[in-house]
Structure formats: C-alpha cells, structure tokens
C-alpha cells in the first residue's frame, strides 16, 4: 500500500479491504510477530494498521454495503476505526445500522 495509503475510510478500495484481511490473517497465523512488522512492511504507522485491522471482522453485508457506497455502511466503518470494541456477532453489527 505504501505512501498512497489514505488515513480515513472514505476512499478505501476493495483491494485495500482485502489487504486488511490479509494483515489480520498474517497476525493470527503467526506469519508476522506484530502490527509494527506489518506497518514497516507496508510503510504506514502501526496505529493505522491497528485501526484498520478491526475492519477485517466486519459482516459481509456491511462490506457489500460499503462497496456499494451505502451511507449507513460507510458511516459504520468509519466509526469502527475509532471504537475500542467491535461487536463480534455479525447480526449485532448489522442490527446497529439497520440492515439486519
């Protein structure tokens, strides 16, 4: 992703969303030891990686809504980058933005 990485959710492409899933997979599988290692590899700040890896656990319905530029899904994704806790159940995520 390099120097072209944006700081907010508004302009994320599907490729970038897939990279976020890859980052989470790398961490969970032990292919990398830390967020700092991913950040160094991608040439971004560790805080950015931590904020956005949360989005790898979003409901597929929310991701589809985001891809279609749904205002509710976009706002939810943006809010999640700032929250400490993410509802683990996809149904709870969807219900919170009225698409359940």
N, C-alpha and C. Protein backbone atom coordinates (compact mmCIF):
# COMPACT_ATOMS: atom_id res chain seq x y z
N UNK A 1 0.82 -1.17 0.00
CA UNK A 1 0.00 0.00 0.00
C UNK A 1 0.87 1.25 0.00
N UNK A 2 2.00 1.20 0.67
CA UNK A 2 2.98 2.26 0.57
C UNK A 2 2.46 3.65 0.88
N UNK A 3 3.04 4.63 0.21
CA UNK A 3 2.74 6.03 0.51
C UNK A 3 1.36 6.47 0.03
N UNK A 4 0.66 5.64 -0.74
CA UNK A 4 -0.66 6.01 -1.23
C UNK A 4 -1.78 5.72 -0.25
N UNK A 5 -1.46 5.25 0.95
CA UNK A 5 -2.49 4.90 1.92
C UNK A 5 -3.19 6.14 2.43
N UNK A 6 -4.52 6.06 2.49
CA UNK A 6 -5.32 7.17 2.99
C UNK A 6 -5.49 7.01 4.50
N UNK A 7 -5.79 8.08 5.19
CA UNK A 7 -5.94 8.00 6.64
C UNK A 7 -7.37 7.69 7.06
N UNK A 8 -8.37 7.90 6.22
CA UNK A 8 -9.75 7.64 6.58
C UNK A 8 -10.33 6.50 5.77
N UNK A 9 -11.58 6.13 6.07
CA UNK A 9 -12.23 5.04 5.38
C UNK A 9 -12.81 5.45 4.04
N UNK A 10 -13.10 6.71 3.84
CA UNK A 10 -13.91 7.14 2.72
C UNK A 10 -13.39 6.66 1.38
N UNK A 11 -12.09 6.58 1.19
CA UNK A 11 -11.57 6.23 -0.11
C UNK A 11 -11.00 4.82 -0.23
N UNK A 12 -11.25 3.95 0.75
CA UNK A 12 -10.70 2.60 0.67
C UNK A 12 -11.25 1.85 -0.53
N UNK A 13 -10.36 1.20 -1.24
CA UNK A 13 -10.77 0.37 -2.37
C UNK A 13 -10.96 -1.06 -1.88
N UNK A 14 -11.55 -1.89 -2.71
CA UNK A 14 -11.73 -3.29 -2.34
C UNK A 14 -10.38 -3.97 -2.15
N UNK A 15 -9.39 -3.61 -2.95
CA UNK A 15 -8.05 -4.18 -2.80
C UNK A 15 -7.51 -3.85 -1.41
N UNK A 16 -7.70 -2.63 -0.96
CA UNK A 16 -7.23 -2.25 0.37
C UNK A 16 -7.98 -3.01 1.46
N UNK A 17 -9.28 -3.21 1.28
CA UNK A 17 -10.03 -4.01 2.25
C UNK A 17 -9.51 -5.44 2.30
N UNK A 18 -9.15 -5.99 1.16
CA UNK A 18 -8.59 -7.34 1.13
C UNK A 18 -7.23 -7.38 1.83
N UNK A 19 -6.44 -6.33 1.67
CA UNK A 19 -5.16 -6.27 2.38
C UNK A 19 -5.37 -6.23 3.89
N UNK A 20 -6.41 -5.57 4.33
CA UNK A 20 -6.69 -5.52 5.77
C UNK A 20 -6.98 -6.92 6.30
N UNK A 21 -7.72 -7.70 5.52
CA UNK A 21 -7.99 -9.09 5.91
C UNK A 21 -6.67 -9.86 5.94
N UNK A 22 -5.81 -9.63 4.96
CA UNK A 22 -4.52 -10.31 4.92
C UNK A 22 -3.68 -9.96 6.15
N UNK A 23 -3.71 -8.68 6.55
CA UNK A 23 -2.96 -8.28 7.74
C UNK A 23 -3.44 -9.07 8.95
N UNK A 24 -4.74 -9.18 9.12
CA UNK A 24 -5.30 -9.91 10.26
C UNK A 24 -4.92 -11.38 10.18
N UNK A 25 -5.02 -11.95 8.99
CA UNK A 25 -4.62 -13.35 8.80
C UNK A 25 -3.15 -13.56 9.14
N UNK A 26 -2.29 -12.64 8.69
CA UNK A 26 -0.86 -12.74 8.99
C UNK A 26 -0.61 -12.76 10.50
N UNK A 27 -1.32 -11.90 11.22
CA UNK A 27 -1.17 -11.85 12.67
C UNK A 27 -1.68 -13.13 13.33
N UNK A 28 -2.87 -13.56 12.95
CA UNK A 28 -3.48 -14.74 13.57
C UNK A 28 -2.70 -16.02 13.27
N UNK A 29 -2.12 -16.11 12.08
CA UNK A 29 -1.39 -17.32 11.68
C UNK A 29 0.07 -17.30 12.14
N UNK A 30 0.50 -16.18 12.69
CA UNK A 30 1.88 -16.09 13.16
C UNK A 30 2.91 -15.84 12.06
N UNK A 31 2.45 -15.42 10.89
CA UNK A 31 3.39 -15.12 9.80
C UNK A 31 4.15 -13.82 10.06
N UNK A 32 3.59 -12.98 10.89
CA UNK A 32 4.27 -11.78 11.37
C UNK A 32 4.14 -11.77 12.89
N UNK A 33 5.06 -11.10 13.54
CA UNK A 33 5.05 -11.09 15.00
C UNK A 33 4.29 -9.92 15.60
N UNK A 34 4.08 -8.87 14.80
CA UNK A 34 3.45 -7.69 15.39
C UNK A 34 2.85 -6.78 14.33
N UNK A 35 2.02 -5.88 14.82
CA UNK A 35 1.47 -4.82 13.98
C UNK A 35 2.61 -3.95 13.45
N UNK A 36 3.62 -3.74 14.28
CA UNK A 36 4.77 -2.92 13.87
C UNK A 36 5.47 -3.54 12.66
N UNK A 37 5.54 -4.85 12.60
CA UNK A 37 6.16 -5.52 11.46
C UNK A 37 5.36 -5.29 10.18
N UNK A 38 4.04 -5.36 10.28
CA UNK A 38 3.19 -5.09 9.12
C UNK A 38 3.34 -3.63 8.70
N UNK A 39 3.32 -2.74 9.67
CA UNK A 39 3.44 -1.31 9.37
C UNK A 39 4.75 -1.00 8.66
N UNK A 40 5.82 -1.61 9.10
CA UNK A 40 7.11 -1.39 8.45
C UNK A 40 7.08 -1.90 7.02
N UNK A 41 6.52 -3.10 6.84
CA UNK A 41 6.42 -3.70 5.50
C UNK A 41 5.59 -2.84 4.56
N UNK A 42 4.48 -2.29 5.08
CA UNK A 42 3.55 -1.52 4.25
C UNK A 42 3.88 -0.02 4.22
N UNK A 43 4.86 0.37 5.00
CA UNK A 43 5.30 1.77 5.08
C UNK A 43 4.18 2.70 5.57
N UNK A 44 3.54 2.25 6.65
CA UNK A 44 2.49 3.04 7.31
C UNK A 44 2.75 3.02 8.81
N UNK A 45 2.02 3.83 9.55
CA UNK A 45 2.16 3.86 11.00
C UNK A 45 1.46 2.66 11.65
N UNK A 46 2.01 2.12 12.73
CA UNK A 46 1.36 0.99 13.42
C UNK A 46 -0.07 1.31 13.85
N UNK A 47 -0.31 2.56 14.25
CA UNK A 47 -1.67 2.95 14.66
C UNK A 47 -2.66 2.74 13.51
N UNK A 48 -2.25 3.05 12.31
CA UNK A 48 -3.11 2.87 11.14
C UNK A 48 -3.45 1.39 10.95
N UNK A 49 -2.47 0.53 11.07
CA UNK A 49 -2.71 -0.91 10.92
C UNK A 49 -3.66 -1.40 12.01
N UNK A 50 -3.43 -0.99 13.25
CA UNK A 50 -4.31 -1.41 14.36
C UNK A 50 -5.74 -0.96 14.13
N UNK A 51 -5.92 0.29 13.72
CA UNK A 51 -7.28 0.82 13.50
C UNK A 51 -8.00 0.04 12.41
N UNK A 52 -7.31 -0.22 11.32
CA UNK A 52 -7.99 -0.79 10.17
C UNK A 52 -8.11 -2.30 10.20
N UNK A 53 -7.26 -3.00 10.95
CA UNK A 53 -7.42 -4.45 11.00
C UNK A 53 -8.73 -4.84 11.67
N UNK A 54 -9.29 -3.96 12.47
CA UNK A 54 -10.61 -4.23 13.06
C UNK A 54 -11.66 -4.48 11.96
N UNK A 55 -11.49 -3.82 10.86
CA UNK A 55 -12.47 -3.91 9.78
C UNK A 55 -12.47 -5.27 9.09
N UNK A 56 -11.43 -6.06 9.32
CA UNK A 56 -11.37 -7.40 8.73
C UNK A 56 -12.44 -8.31 9.32
N UNK A 57 -13.03 -7.92 10.43
CA UNK A 57 -14.01 -8.75 11.11
C UNK A 57 -15.44 -8.26 10.91
N UNK A 58 -15.65 -7.45 9.89
CA UNK A 58 -16.98 -6.94 9.60
C UNK A 58 -17.87 -7.98 8.93
N UNK A 59 -19.14 -7.81 9.16
CA UNK A 59 -20.15 -8.63 8.49
C UNK A 59 -20.03 -8.47 6.97
N UNK A 60 -20.17 -9.57 6.24
CA UNK A 60 -20.14 -9.47 4.77
C UNK A 60 -21.19 -8.51 4.22
N UNK A 61 -22.36 -8.42 4.88
CA UNK A 61 -23.39 -7.49 4.42
C UNK A 61 -22.92 -6.04 4.53
N UNK A 62 -22.20 -5.73 5.60
CA UNK A 62 -21.69 -4.37 5.78
C UNK A 62 -20.62 -4.08 4.74
N UNK A 63 -19.75 -5.05 4.48
CA UNK A 63 -18.71 -4.86 3.46
C UNK A 63 -19.34 -4.64 2.09
N UNK A 64 -20.38 -5.44 1.77
CA UNK A 64 -21.07 -5.24 0.48
C UNK A 64 -21.70 -3.85 0.42
N UNK A 65 -22.31 -3.43 1.53
CA UNK A 65 -22.91 -2.09 1.59
C UNK A 65 -21.86 -1.01 1.39
N UNK A 66 -20.70 -1.21 2.00
CA UNK A 66 -19.61 -0.25 1.85
C UNK A 66 -19.16 -0.18 0.39
N UNK A 67 -19.04 -1.35 -0.24
CA UNK A 67 -18.63 -1.39 -1.65
C UNK A 67 -19.63 -0.67 -2.53
N UNK A 68 -20.91 -0.73 -2.15
CA UNK A 68 -21.97 -0.06 -2.93
C UNK A 68 -22.14 1.39 -2.51
N UNK A 69 -21.27 1.85 -1.62
CA UNK A 69 -21.28 3.23 -1.13
C UNK A 69 -22.52 3.55 -0.31
N UNK A 70 -23.02 2.55 0.43
CA UNK A 70 -24.14 2.78 1.33
C UNK A 70 -23.72 3.76 2.42
N UNK A 71 -24.46 4.87 2.60
CA UNK A 71 -24.10 5.83 3.65
C UNK A 71 -24.04 5.20 5.04
N UNK A 72 -24.99 4.31 5.35
CA UNK A 72 -25.01 3.68 6.67
C UNK A 72 -23.78 2.80 6.87
N UNK A 73 -23.44 2.00 5.88
CA UNK A 73 -22.27 1.12 5.99
C UNK A 73 -20.99 1.93 6.06
N UNK A 74 -20.88 2.96 5.26
CA UNK A 74 -19.69 3.81 5.28
C UNK A 74 -19.50 4.49 6.62
N UNK A 75 -20.58 5.01 7.18
CA UNK A 75 -20.51 5.67 8.49
C UNK A 75 -20.13 4.66 9.57
N UNK A 76 -20.67 3.46 9.48
CA UNK A 76 -20.37 2.42 10.46
C UNK A 76 -18.89 2.04 10.39
N UNK A 77 -18.37 1.86 9.19
CA UNK A 77 -16.95 1.53 9.02
C UNK A 77 -16.08 2.63 9.60
N UNK A 78 -16.43 3.85 9.32
CA UNK A 78 -15.67 4.99 9.83
C UNK A 78 -15.68 5.00 11.36
N UNK A 79 -16.85 4.78 11.94
CA UNK A 79 -16.97 4.77 13.40
C UNK A 79 -16.16 3.63 14.01
N UNK A 80 -16.12 2.49 13.35
CA UNK A 80 -15.39 1.35 13.89
C UNK A 80 -13.89 1.58 13.97
N UNK A 81 -13.36 2.41 13.10
CA UNK A 81 -11.92 2.66 13.16
C UNK A 81 -11.55 3.42 14.42
N UNK A 82 -12.54 4.04 15.08
CA UNK A 82 -12.28 4.80 16.29
C UNK A 82 -12.72 4.07 17.57
N UNK A 83 -13.52 3.02 17.44
CA UNK A 83 -14.03 2.31 18.61
C UNK A 83 -13.02 1.32 19.14
N UNK A 84 -13.12 1.06 20.43
CA UNK A 84 -12.24 0.08 21.05
C UNK A 84 -12.80 -1.32 20.84
N UNK A 85 -14.10 -1.48 20.99
CA UNK A 85 -14.72 -2.80 20.86
C UNK A 85 -15.60 -2.87 19.62
N UNK A 86 -15.53 -3.99 18.96
CA UNK A 86 -16.36 -4.27 17.80
C UNK A 86 -17.29 -5.42 18.17
N UNK A 87 -18.61 -5.28 17.95
CA UNK A 87 -19.48 -6.43 18.21
C UNK A 87 -18.99 -7.62 17.38
N UNK A 88 -18.83 -8.76 18.03
CA UNK A 88 -18.31 -9.93 17.33
C UNK A 88 -19.35 -10.59 16.44
N UNK A 89 -20.60 -10.54 16.86
CA UNK A 89 -21.65 -11.16 16.07
C UNK A 89 -22.02 -10.26 14.89
N UNK A 90 -21.99 -10.84 13.71
CA UNK A 90 -22.34 -10.07 12.52
C UNK A 90 -23.76 -9.53 12.62
N UNK A 91 -24.66 -10.31 13.21
CA UNK A 91 -26.05 -9.86 13.33
C UNK A 91 -26.14 -8.60 14.19
N UNK A 92 -25.31 -8.49 15.23
CA UNK A 92 -25.30 -7.29 16.06
C UNK A 92 -24.74 -6.10 15.29
N UNK A 93 -23.70 -6.32 14.50
CA UNK A 93 -23.15 -5.25 13.68
C UNK A 93 -24.22 -4.74 12.71
N UNK A 94 -24.90 -5.66 12.04
CA UNK A 94 -25.90 -5.31 11.04
C UNK A 94 -27.09 -4.60 11.69
N UNK A 95 -27.54 -5.12 12.83
CA UNK A 95 -28.67 -4.51 13.53
C UNK A 95 -28.35 -3.08 13.95
N UNK A 96 -27.10 -2.83 14.32
CA UNK A 96 -26.74 -1.49 14.78
C UNK A 96 -26.83 -0.43 13.70
N UNK A 97 -26.83 -0.86 12.41
CA UNK A 97 -27.01 0.14 11.34
C UNK A 97 -28.28 -0.11 10.54
N UNK A 98 -29.12 -0.99 11.06
CA UNK A 98 -30.44 -1.18 10.46
C UNK A 98 -30.46 -2.01 9.19
N UNK A 99 -29.51 -2.91 9.02
CA UNK A 99 -29.57 -3.77 7.83
C UNK A 99 -29.72 -5.24 8.22
N UNK A 100 -29.98 -5.52 9.50
CA UNK A 100 -30.11 -6.90 9.99
C UNK A 100 -31.35 -7.53 9.49
